[in-house]
C-alpha atoms as a PDB file:
ATOM      1  CA  UNK A   1     -98.549 -40.903  91.285  1.00  0.00           C
ATOM      2  CA  UNK A   2    -100.600 -40.064  88.226  1.00  0.00           C
ATOM      3  CA  UNK A   3     -98.738 -39.853  84.945  1.00  0.00           C
ATOM      4  CA  UNK A   4     -99.080 -37.969  81.706  1.00  0.00           C
ATOM      5  CA  UNK A   5    -102.565 -38.599  80.408  1.00  0.00           C
ATOM      6  CA  UNK A   6    -101.373 -39.448  76.913  1.00  0.00           C
ATOM      7  CA  UNK A   7     -98.918 -42.024  78.273  1.00  0.00           C
ATOM      8  CA  UNK A   8    -100.532 -43.918  81.140  1.00  0.00           C
ATOM      9  CA  UNK A   9     -98.064 -45.902  83.197  1.00  0.00           C
ATOM     10  CA  UNK A  10     -98.223 -49.651  82.837  1.00  0.00           C
ATOM     11  CA  UNK A  11     -98.107 -51.263  86.293  1.00  0.00           C
ATOM     12  CA  UNK A  12     -95.033 -53.409  86.749  1.00  0.00           C
ATOM     13  CA  UNK A  13     -95.304 -57.021  87.839  1.00  0.00           C
ATOM     14  CA  UNK A  14     -93.528 -57.435  91.137  1.00  0.00           C
ATOM     15  CA  UNK A  15     -91.147 -55.017  92.753  1.00  0.00           C
ATOM     16  CA  UNK A  16     -89.001 -52.869  90.453  1.00  0.00           C
ATOM     17  CA  UNK A  17     -87.558 -50.565  93.099  1.00  0.00           C
ATOM     18  CA  UNK A  18     -84.194 -52.378  92.997  1.00  0.00           C
ATOM     19  CA  UNK A  19     -83.814 -51.331  89.342  1.00  0.00           C
ATOM     20  CA  UNK A  20     -83.243 -47.763  88.204  1.00  0.00           C
ATOM     21  CA  UNK A  21     -86.372 -45.924  87.179  1.00  0.00           C
ATOM     22  CA  UNK A  22     -86.317 -44.296  83.749  1.00  0.00           C
ATOM     23  CA  UNK A  23     -87.701 -40.769  83.477  1.00  0.00           C
ATOM     24  CA  UNK A  24     -88.263 -39.409  79.982  1.00  0.00           C
ATOM     25  CA  UNK A  25     -88.053 -35.622  80.072  1.00  0.00           C
ATOM     26  CA  UNK A  26     -89.512 -33.345  77.393  1.00  0.00           C
ATOM     27  CA  UNK A  27     -90.339 -29.653  77.132  1.00  0.00           C
ATOM     28  CA  UNK A  28     -94.070 -30.217  76.663  1.00  0.00           C
ATOM     29  CA  UNK A  29     -96.806 -28.890  74.408  1.00  0.00           C
ATOM     30  CA  UNK A  30    -100.403 -27.813  74.910  1.00  0.00           C
ATOM     31  CA  UNK A  31    -101.499 -28.770  71.376  1.00  0.00           C
ATOM     32  CA  UNK A  32    -103.616 -31.913  71.701  1.00  0.00           C
ATOM     33  CA  UNK A  33    -102.773 -33.336  68.278  1.00  0.00           C
ATOM     34  CA  UNK A  34     -99.061 -32.770  68.884  1.00  0.00           C
ATOM     35  CA  UNK A  35     -99.173 -34.451  72.302  1.00  0.00           C
ATOM     36  CA  UNK A  36    -100.070 -37.769  70.679  1.00  0.00           C
ATOM     37  CA  UNK A  37     -96.392 -38.255  69.858  1.00  0.00           C
ATOM     38  CA  UNK A  38     -95.661 -38.805  73.557  1.00  0.00           C
ATOM     39  CA  UNK A  39     -97.798 -41.960  73.514  1.00  0.00           C
ATOM     40  CA  UNK A  40     -95.817 -43.220  70.519  1.00  0.00           C
ATOM     41  CA  UNK A  41     -92.468 -42.530  72.195  1.00  0.00           C
ATOM     42  CA  UNK A  42     -93.730 -44.129  75.401  1.00  0.00           C
ATOM     43  CA  UNK A  43     -94.743 -47.293  73.551  1.00  0.00           C
ATOM     44  CA  UNK A  44     -91.372 -47.518  71.813  1.00  0.00           C
ATOM     45  CA  UNK A  45     -89.536 -47.035  75.118  1.00  0.00           C
ATOM     46  CA  UNK A  46     -91.563 -49.763  76.832  1.00  0.00           C
ATOM     47  CA  UNK A  47     -90.766 -52.180  74.005  1.00  0.00           C
ATOM     48  CA  UNK A  48     -87.061 -51.483  74.320  1.00  0.00           C
ATOM     49  CA  UNK A  49     -86.897 -51.415  78.138  1.00  0.00           C
ATOM     50  CA  UNK A  50     -89.316 -54.076  79.430  1.00  0.00           C
ATOM     51  CA  UNK A  51     -89.372 -54.452  83.194  1.00  0.00           C
ATOM     52  CA  UNK A  52     -88.247 -50.912  83.947  1.00  0.00           C
ATOM     53  CA  UNK A  53     -90.366 -48.350  85.751  1.00  0.00           C
ATOM     54  CA  UNK A  54     -90.890 -45.610  83.172  1.00  0.00           C
ATOM     55  CA  UNK A  55     -92.237 -42.153  83.964  1.00  0.00           C
ATOM     56  CA  UNK A  56     -92.518 -38.780  82.222  1.00  0.00           C
ATOM     57  CA  UNK A  57     -91.589 -35.294  83.370  1.00  0.00           C
ATOM     58  CA  UNK A  58     -91.749 -31.936  81.622  1.00  0.00           C
ATOM     59  CA  UNK A  59     -89.522 -28.896  81.872  1.00  0.00           C
ATOM     60  CA  UNK A  60     -91.946 -26.142  80.827  1.00  0.00           C
ATOM     61  CA  UNK A  61     -93.799 -24.930  83.915  1.00  0.00           C
ATOM     62  CA  UNK A  62     -95.869 -22.675  81.647  1.00  0.00           C
ATOM     63  CA  UNK A  63     -97.150 -25.660  79.654  1.00  0.00           C
ATOM     64  CA  UNK A  64     -97.767 -27.678  82.840  1.00  0.00           C
ATOM     65  CA  UNK A  65     -99.910 -24.853  84.268  1.00  0.00           C
ATOM     66  CA  UNK A  66    -101.755 -24.359  80.982  1.00  0.00           C
ATOM     67  CA  UNK A  67    -102.621 -28.044  80.739  1.00  0.00           C
ATOM     68  CA  UNK A  68    -103.678 -28.136  84.393  1.00  0.00           C
ATOM     69  CA  UNK A  69    -106.293 -25.430  83.711  1.00  0.00           C
ATOM     70  CA  UNK A  70    -107.728 -27.809  81.109  1.00  0.00           C
ATOM     71  CA  UNK A  71    -107.766 -30.705  83.568  1.00  0.00           C
ATOM     72  CA  UNK A  72    -104.709 -32.446  82.112  1.00  0.00           C
ATOM     73  CA  UNK A  73    -102.172 -33.433  84.768  1.00  0.00           C
ATOM     74  CA  UNK A  74     -98.488 -33.536  83.882  1.00  0.00           C
ATOM     75  CA  UNK A  75     -95.512 -33.385  86.225  1.00  0.00           C
ATOM     76  CA  UNK A  76     -92.325 -31.495  86.870  1.00  0.00           C
ATOM     77  CA  UNK A  77     -89.029 -33.284  87.380  1.00  0.00           C
ATOM     78  CA  UNK A  78     -89.168 -32.520  91.106  1.00  0.00           C
ATOM     79  CA  UNK A  79     -92.630 -34.089  91.429  1.00  0.00           C
ATOM     80  CA  UNK A  80     -91.548 -37.256  89.649  1.00  0.00           C
ATOM     81  CA  UNK A  81     -88.368 -37.545  91.731  1.00  0.00           C
ATOM     82  CA  UNK A  82     -90.315 -37.102  94.974  1.00  0.00           C
ATOM     83  CA  UNK A  83     -92.846 -39.753  93.972  1.00  0.00           C
ATOM     84  CA  UNK A  84     -90.179 -42.266  92.949  1.00  0.00           C
ATOM     85  CA  UNK A  85     -88.217 -41.625  96.133  1.00  0.00           C
ATOM     86  CA  UNK A  86     -91.380 -42.234  98.199  1.00  0.00           C
ATOM     87  CA  UNK A  87     -91.837 -45.577  96.437  1.00  0.00           C
ATOM     88  CA  UNK A  88     -88.343 -46.694  97.383  1.00  0.00           C
ATOM     89  CA  UNK A  89     -86.403 -46.042  94.192  1.00  0.00           C
ATOM     90  CA  UNK A  90     -82.768 -45.229  94.894  1.00  0.00           C
ATOM     91  CA  UNK A  91     -81.548 -44.945  91.307  1.00  0.00           C
ATOM     92  CA  UNK A  92     -82.997 -42.864  88.502  1.00  0.00           C
ATOM     93  CA  UNK A  93     -81.897 -42.382  84.911  1.00  0.00           C
ATOM     94  CA  UNK A  94     -83.169 -39.227  83.232  1.00  0.00           C
ATOM     95  CA  UNK A  95     -83.363 -39.255  79.442  1.00  0.00           C
ATOM     96  CA  UNK A  96     -83.611 -35.828  77.879  1.00  0.00           C
ATOM     97  CA  UNK A  97     -85.856 -35.655  74.822  1.00  0.00           C
ATOM     98  CA  UNK A  98     -84.605 -32.169  74.010  1.00  0.00           C
ATOM     99  CA  UNK A  99     -82.893 -31.525  70.694  1.00  0.00           C
ATOM    100  CA  UNK A 100     -79.795 -29.720  71.994  1.00  0.00           C
ATOM    101  CA  UNK A 101     -78.060 -29.726  75.389  1.00  0.00           C
ATOM    102  CA  UNK A 102     -79.364 -26.263  76.157  1.00  0.00           C
ATOM    103  CA  UNK A 103     -81.241 -24.448  78.886  1.00  0.00           C
ATOM    104  CA  UNK A 104     -83.991 -27.050  79.293  1.00  0.00           C
ATOM    105  CA  UNK A 105     -81.507 -29.912  79.289  1.00  0.00           C
ATOM    106  CA  UNK A 106     -79.438 -28.291  82.021  1.00  0.00           C
ATOM    107  CA  UNK A 107     -82.568 -27.879  84.145  1.00  0.00           C
ATOM    108  CA  UNK A 108     -82.717 -31.683  84.334  1.00  0.00           C
ATOM    109  CA  UNK A 109     -79.190 -31.910  85.697  1.00  0.00           C
ATOM    110  CA  UNK A 110     -80.007 -29.187  88.233  1.00  0.00           C
ATOM    111  CA  UNK A 111     -82.815 -31.243  89.812  1.00  0.00           C
ATOM    112  CA  UNK A 112     -82.520 -32.053  93.518  1.00  0.00           C
ATOM    113  CA  UNK A 113     -81.605 -35.738  93.621  1.00  0.00           C
ATOM    114  CA  UNK A 114     -79.988 -35.723  97.044  1.00  0.00           C
ATOM    115  CA  UNK A 115     -79.366 -39.262  98.335  1.00  0.00           C
ATOM    116  CA  UNK A 116     -80.079 -40.889  94.976  1.00  0.00           C
ATOM    117  CA  UNK A 117     -77.830 -42.433  92.370  1.00  0.00           C
ATOM    118  CA  UNK A 118     -78.633 -40.753  89.072  1.00  0.00           C
ATOM    119  CA  UNK A 119     -77.457 -40.677  85.480  1.00  0.00           C
ATOM    120  CA  UNK A 120     -78.400 -38.446  82.577  1.00  0.00           C
ATOM    121  CA  UNK A 121     -78.947 -39.421  78.950  1.00  0.00           C
ATOM    122  CA  UNK A 122     -77.732 -36.810  76.482  1.00  0.00           C
ATOM    123  CA  UNK A 123     -79.939 -34.617  74.318  1.00  0.00           C
ATOM    124  CA  UNK A 124     -80.230 -35.474  70.621  1.00  0.00           C
ATOM    125  CA  UNK A 125     -77.425 -33.309  69.212  1.00  0.00           C
ATOM    126  CA  UNK A 126     -74.764 -33.732  71.883  1.00  0.00           C
ATOM    127  CA  UNK A 127     -71.775 -34.826  69.787  1.00  0.00           C
ATOM    128  CA  UNK A 128     -70.401 -34.855  66.257  1.00  0.00           C
ATOM    129  CA  UNK A 129     -71.515 -38.488  65.977  1.00  0.00           C
ATOM    130  CA  UNK A 130     -75.037 -37.485  67.035  1.00  0.00           C
ATOM    131  CA  UNK A 131     -75.121 -34.835  64.325  1.00  0.00           C
ATOM    132  CA  UNK A 132     -74.155 -37.382  61.675  1.00  0.00           C
ATOM    133  CA  UNK A 133     -76.695 -39.894  62.996  1.00  0.00           C
ATOM    134  CA  UNK A 134     -79.454 -37.279  62.998  1.00  0.00           C
ATOM    135  CA  UNK A 135     -78.677 -36.239  59.423  1.00  0.00           C
ATOM    136  CA  UNK A 136     -78.823 -39.899  58.402  1.00  0.00           C
ATOM    137  CA  UNK A 137     -82.179 -40.286  60.182  1.00  0.00           C
ATOM    138  CA  UNK A 138     -83.618 -37.255  58.381  1.00  0.00           C
ATOM    139  CA  UNK A 139     -82.105 -37.952  54.961  1.00  0.00           C
ATOM    140  CA  UNK A 140     -84.854 -40.302  53.663  1.00  0.00           C
ATOM    141  CA  UNK A 141     -87.337 -37.432  54.028  1.00  0.00           C
ATOM    142  CA  UNK A 142     -85.175 -34.884  52.207  1.00  0.00           C
ATOM    143  CA  UNK A 143     -85.451 -34.375  48.450  1.00  0.00           C
ATOM    144  CA  UNK A 144     -81.988 -33.034  47.577  1.00  0.00           C
ATOM    145  CA  UNK A 145     -83.432 -31.003  44.686  1.00  0.00           C
ATOM    146  CA  UNK A 146     -86.366 -29.442  46.580  1.00  0.00           C
ATOM    147  CA  UNK A 147     -86.539 -26.248  48.647  1.00  0.00           C
ATOM    148  CA  UNK A 148     -86.465 -27.459  52.236  1.00  0.00           C
ATOM    149  CA  UNK A 149     -86.497 -25.634  55.572  1.00  0.00           C
ATOM    150  CA  UNK A 150     -85.581 -27.430  58.790  1.00  0.00           C
ATOM    151  CA  UNK A 151     -87.427 -25.743  61.634  1.00  0.00           C
ATOM    152  CA  UNK A 152     -85.314 -25.433  64.788  1.00  0.00           C
ATOM    153  CA  UNK A 153     -86.003 -23.591  68.022  1.00  0.00           C
ATOM    154  CA  UNK A 154     -82.763 -21.951  69.133  1.00  0.00           C
ATOM    155  CA  UNK A 155     -82.090 -19.763  72.157  1.00  0.00           C
ATOM    156  CA  UNK A 156     -81.958 -15.960  72.009  1.00  0.00           C
ATOM    157  CA  UNK A 157     -81.042 -15.374  75.670  1.00  0.00           C
ATOM    158  CA  UNK A 158     -78.187 -17.871  75.991  1.00  0.00           C
ATOM    159  CA  UNK A 159     -76.252 -18.052  72.693  1.00  0.00           C
ATOM    160  CA  UNK A 160     -73.844 -20.653  74.106  1.00  0.00           C
ATOM    161  CA  UNK A 161     -76.681 -23.163  73.891  1.00  0.00           C
ATOM    162  CA  UNK A 162     -76.858 -22.713  70.090  1.00  0.00           C
ATOM    163  CA  UNK A 163     -73.418 -24.191  69.419  1.00  0.00           C
ATOM    164  CA  UNK A 164     -74.594 -27.708  68.622  1.00  0.00           C
ATOM    165  CA  UNK A 165     -77.415 -26.379  66.461  1.00  0.00           C
ATOM    166  CA  UNK A 166     -74.907 -24.235  64.577  1.00  0.00           C
ATOM    167  CA  UNK A 167     -72.673 -27.268  64.028  1.00  0.00           C
ATOM    168  CA  UNK A 168     -75.649 -29.304  62.822  1.00  0.00           C
ATOM    169  CA  UNK A 169     -76.676 -26.468  60.476  1.00  0.00           C
ATOM    170  CA  UNK A 170     -73.230 -26.291  58.884  1.00  0.00           C
ATOM    171  CA  UNK A 171     -73.099 -30.056  58.401  1.00  0.00           C
ATOM    172  CA  UNK A 172     -76.554 -30.598  56.895  1.00  0.00           C
ATOM    173  CA  UNK A 173     -76.533 -27.489  54.693  1.00  0.00           C
ATOM    174  CA  UNK A 174     -73.212 -28.622  53.225  1.00  0.00           C
ATOM    175  CA  UNK A 175     -74.806 -32.000  52.455  1.00  0.00           C
ATOM    176  CA  UNK A 176     -78.022 -30.607  50.935  1.00  0.00           C
ATOM    177  CA  UNK A 177     -77.508 -27.322  49.033  1.00  0.00           C
ATOM    178  CA  UNK A 178     -81.252 -26.701  48.554  1.00  0.00           C
ATOM    179  CA  UNK A 179     -81.879 -26.965  52.300  1.00  0.00           C
ATOM    180  CA  UNK A 180     -81.607 -24.321  55.014  1.00  0.00           C
ATOM    181  CA  UNK A 181     -81.969 -24.520  58.768  1.00  0.00           C
ATOM    182  CA  UNK A 182     -83.952 -21.666  60.331  1.00  0.00           C
ATOM    183  CA  UNK A 183     -84.541 -21.082  64.016  1.00  0.00           C
ATOM    184  CA  UNK A 184     -87.403 -19.428  65.855  1.00  0.00           C
ATOM    185  CA  UNK A 185     -84.927 -17.829  68.259  1.00  0.00           C
ATOM    186  CA  UNK A 186     -81.175 -17.252  68.328  1.00  0.00           C
ATOM    187  CA  UNK A 187     -78.933 -18.608  65.604  1.00  0.00           C
ATOM    188  CA  UNK A 188     -79.055 -19.567  62.795  1.00  0.00           C
ATOM    189  CA  UNK A 189     -82.152 -17.300  62.769  1.00  0.00           C
ATOM    190  CA  UNK A 190     -84.458 -16.747  59.817  1.00  0.00           C
ATOM    191  CA  UNK A 191     -82.086 -15.387  57.160  1.00  0.00           C
ATOM    192  CA  UNK A 192     -82.390 -18.668  55.293  1.00  0.00           C
ATOM    193  CA  UNK A 193     -86.070 -17.994  54.613  1.00  0.00           C
ATOM    194  CA  UNK A 194     -85.136 -15.106  52.304  1.00  0.00           C
ATOM    195  CA  UNK A 195     -82.629 -17.369  50.575  1.00  0.00           C
ATOM    196  CA  UNK A 196     -85.376 -19.877  49.836  1.00  0.00           C
ATOM    197  CA  UNK A 197     -87.849 -17.146  48.859  1.00  0.00           C
ATOM    198  CA  UNK A 198     -85.412 -15.695  46.319  1.00  0.00           C
ATOM    199  CA  UNK A 199     -85.232 -19.072  44.607  1.00  0.00           C
ATOM    200  CA  UNK A 200     -89.005 -18.869  43.953  1.00  0.00           C
ATOM    201  CA  UNK A 201     -89.687 -22.558  44.566  1.00  0.00           C
ATOM    202  CA  UNK A 202     -92.894 -24.150  43.296  1.00  0.00           C
ATOM    203  CA  UNK A 203     -92.911 -26.537  46.272  1.00  0.00           C
ATOM    204  CA  UNK A 204     -91.738 -25.818  49.806  1.00  0.00           C
ATOM    205  CA  UNK A 205     -90.991 -28.556  52.344  1.00  0.00           C
ATOM    206  CA  UNK A 206     -90.771 -27.888  56.088  1.00  0.00           C
ATOM    207  CA  UNK A 207     -89.172 -30.477  58.367  1.00  0.00           C
ATOM    208  CA  UNK A 208     -89.503 -29.882  62.126  1.00  0.00           C
ATOM    209  CA  UNK A 209     -86.247 -30.237  64.035  1.00  0.00           C
ATOM    210  CA  UNK A 210     -88.542 -30.418  67.044  1.00  0.00           C
ATOM    211  CA  UNK A 211     -89.755 -33.373  69.090  1.00  0.00           C
ATOM    212  CA  UNK A 212     -93.381 -32.300  68.631  1.00  0.00           C
ATOM    213  CA  UNK A 213     -95.168 -30.278  65.955  1.00  0.00           C
ATOM    214  CA  UNK A 214     -96.873 -27.898  68.372  1.00  0.00           C
ATOM    215  CA  UNK A 215     -97.732 -24.209  68.387  1.00  0.00           C
ATOM    216  CA  UNK A 216     -94.532 -23.114  66.651  1.00  0.00           C
ATOM    217  CA  UNK A 217     -95.285 -25.291  63.623  1.00  0.00           C
ATOM    218  CA  UNK A 218     -98.991 -24.445  63.550  1.00  0.00           C
ATOM    219  CA  UNK A 219     -98.539 -20.686  64.010  1.00  0.00           C
ATOM    220  CA  UNK A 220     -94.982 -19.477  63.421  1.00  0.00           C
ATOM    221  CA  UNK A 221     -94.357 -21.723  60.419  1.00  0.00           C
ATOM    222  CA  UNK A 222     -97.722 -22.598  58.861  1.00  0.00           C
ATOM    223  CA  UNK A 223     -99.973 -19.880  60.277  1.00  0.00           C
ATOM    224  CA  UNK A 224    -102.210 -17.541  58.285  1.00  0.00           C
ATOM    225  CA  UNK A 225    -100.434 -14.396  59.484  1.00  0.00           C
ATOM    226  CA  UNK A 226     -98.387 -12.385  56.993  1.00  0.00           C
ATOM    227  CA  UNK A 227     -95.169 -13.056  58.891  1.00  0.00           C
ATOM    228  CA  UNK A 228     -95.544 -16.832  59.089  1.00  0.00           C
ATOM    229  CA  UNK A 229     -92.654 -18.628  57.445  1.00  0.00           C
ATOM    230  CA  UNK A 230     -94.964 -20.123  54.834  1.00  0.00           C
ATOM    231  CA  UNK A 231     -96.223 -16.679  53.825  1.00  0.00           C
ATOM    232  CA  UNK A 232     -92.776 -15.113  53.867  1.00  0.00           C
ATOM    233  CA  UNK A 233     -91.581 -17.621  51.269  1.00  0.00           C
ATOM    234  CA  UNK A 234     -94.872 -17.685  49.306  1.00  0.00           C
ATOM    235  CA  UNK A 235     -94.390 -20.964  47.488  1.00  0.00           C
ATOM    236  CA  UNK A 236     -97.468 -22.164  45.556  1.00  0.00           C
ATOM    237  CA  UNK A 237     -97.407 -25.474  47.443  1.00  0.00           C
ATOM    238  CA  UNK A 238     -96.251 -26.257  50.969  1.00  0.00           C
ATOM    239  CA  UNK A 239     -95.952 -29.470  52.908  1.00  0.00           C
ATOM    240  CA  UNK A 240     -94.690 -30.268  56.382  1.00  0.00           C
ATOM    241  CA  UNK A 241     -93.230 -33.521  57.661  1.00  0.00           C
ATOM    242  CA  UNK A 242     -93.980 -35.111  60.993  1.00  0.00           C
ATOM    243  CA  UNK A 243     -92.017 -34.067  64.075  1.00  0.00           C
ATOM    244  CA  UNK A 244     -88.868 -35.852  65.250  1.00  0.00           C
ATOM    245  CA  UNK A 245     -90.723 -37.870  67.869  1.00  0.00           C
ATOM    246  CA  UNK A 246     -92.419 -39.969  65.159  1.00  0.00           C
ATOM    247  CA  UNK A 247     -89.088 -40.908  63.564  1.00  0.00           C
ATOM    248  CA  UNK A 248     -87.893 -44.281  64.890  1.00  0.00           C
ATOM    249  CA  UNK A 249     -84.333 -43.629  63.744  1.00  0.00           C
ATOM    250  CA  UNK A 250     -84.312 -40.430  65.825  1.00  0.00           C
ATOM    251  CA  UNK A 251     -85.697 -42.340  68.802  1.00  0.00           C
ATOM    252  CA  UNK A 252     -82.902 -44.883  68.343  1.00  0.00           C
ATOM    253  CA  UNK A 253     -80.381 -42.072  68.935  1.00  0.00           C
ATOM    254  CA  UNK A 254     -82.130 -41.043  72.141  1.00  0.00           C
ATOM    255  CA  UNK A 255     -82.301 -44.669  73.272  1.00  0.00           C
ATOM    256  CA  UNK A 256     -78.594 -45.168  72.571  1.00  0.00           C
ATOM    257  CA  UNK A 257     -77.961 -42.249  74.929  1.00  0.00           C
ATOM    258  CA  UNK A 258     -80.273 -43.861  77.469  1.00  0.00           C
ATOM    259  CA  UNK A 259     -78.416 -47.175  77.122  1.00  0.00           C
ATOM    260  CA  UNK A 260     -75.155 -45.445  78.052  1.00  0.00           C
ATOM    261  CA  UNK A 261     -76.747 -43.726  81.015  1.00  0.00           C
ATOM    262  CA  UNK A 262     -78.172 -47.026  82.266  1.00  0.00           C
ATOM    263  CA  UNK A 263     -74.785 -48.687  81.842  1.00  0.00           C
ATOM    264  CA  UNK A 264     -73.203 -46.004  84.031  1.00  0.00           C
ATOM    265  CA  UNK A 265     -75.332 -47.250  86.936  1.00  0.00           C
ATOM    266  CA  UNK A 266     -74.493 -50.899  86.302  1.00  0.00           C
ATOM    267  CA  UNK A 267     -72.535 -52.936  88.870  1.00  0.00           C
ATOM    268  CA  UNK A 268     -68.980 -51.702  89.266  1.00  0.00           C
ATOM    269  CA  UNK A 269     -69.719 -48.345  87.677  1.00  0.00           C
ATOM    270  CA  UNK A 270     -71.781 -46.508  90.297  1.00  0.00           C
ATOM    271  CA  UNK A 271     -72.149 -49.225  92.892  1.00  0.00           C
ATOM    272  CA  UNK A 272     -75.572 -50.122  91.549  1.00  0.00           C
ATOM    273  CA  UNK A 273     -77.292 -53.465  91.824  1.00  0.00           C
ATOM    274  CA  UNK A 274     -77.853 -55.875  88.978  1.00  0.00           C
ATOM    275  CA  UNK A 275     -79.819 -54.411  86.067  1.00  0.00           C
ATOM    276  CA  UNK A 276     -81.967 -56.200  83.531  1.00  0.00           C
ATOM    277  CA  UNK A 277     -80.640 -55.903  80.000  1.00  0.00           C
ATOM    278  CA  UNK A 278     -82.425 -53.388  77.811  1.00  0.00           C
ATOM    279  CA  UNK A 279     -84.082 -55.080  74.850  1.00  0.00           C
ATOM    280  CA  UNK A 280     -82.839 -53.686  71.551  1.00  0.00           C
ATOM    281  CA  UNK A 281     -85.638 -53.043  69.068  1.00  0.00           C
ATOM    282  CA  UNK A 282     -84.468 -52.257  65.554  1.00  0.00           C
ATOM    283  CA  UNK A 283     -86.111 -49.127  64.070  1.00  0.00           C
ATOM    284  CA  UNK A 284     -88.720 -49.886  61.464  1.00  0.00           C
END
């Protein structure tokens, strides 16, 4: 099976089919510069989980089709599962790289894995502890005295999927009074942009609460249109941090979720066979 072009699969030495395969699952992006983050995440995952078969799948069929028209092959969850099953894998651990356990995350759990032993690693903001860990991971990049907007996605169609984002918003805004969280869809929405605009900041700092800095950052937030977030606020200077996927402390949260999912398939838990121990790599 071919893999994501930005993260070519490294052939394993010997048979790995007796171990669970790891499938990293992201939404996807068609922005070439933004897609480079997948190679970084892939490299970090391979350092932490040597000896495991590691593959990528994407949940946005729209992005998969768009990339295919450009000659870039990426895969759905179903395609990856079918290929791993054909190679003899009986156990698969899926690690969501989504920010909240929302619509895209639940599409992973809905995949047809009949006859396989599977486990699912949680999305980034899945618990109160995750929220605290994420705030701690972002804190070094936050100037507590500067106007800051965290850029989230949100969900307009299914408001129940915004609950963790709402909890995160309440927690981080209480910690940093000059910061607001704004979402492209759903809640918390964009009311916070007017709050920041009314303060007339000389410097505006955007921080993506997104795995990749794709079209939403380039257009919705930093675009030249009158209704871009940058132009709504109209600060003399604007800067934007890197996306979550470049933050090793954020990746450590995802990998902790993956560790738990792997452990659930360990001997005596799900009847699995012996697993190699994941190598812990401290974030740098």
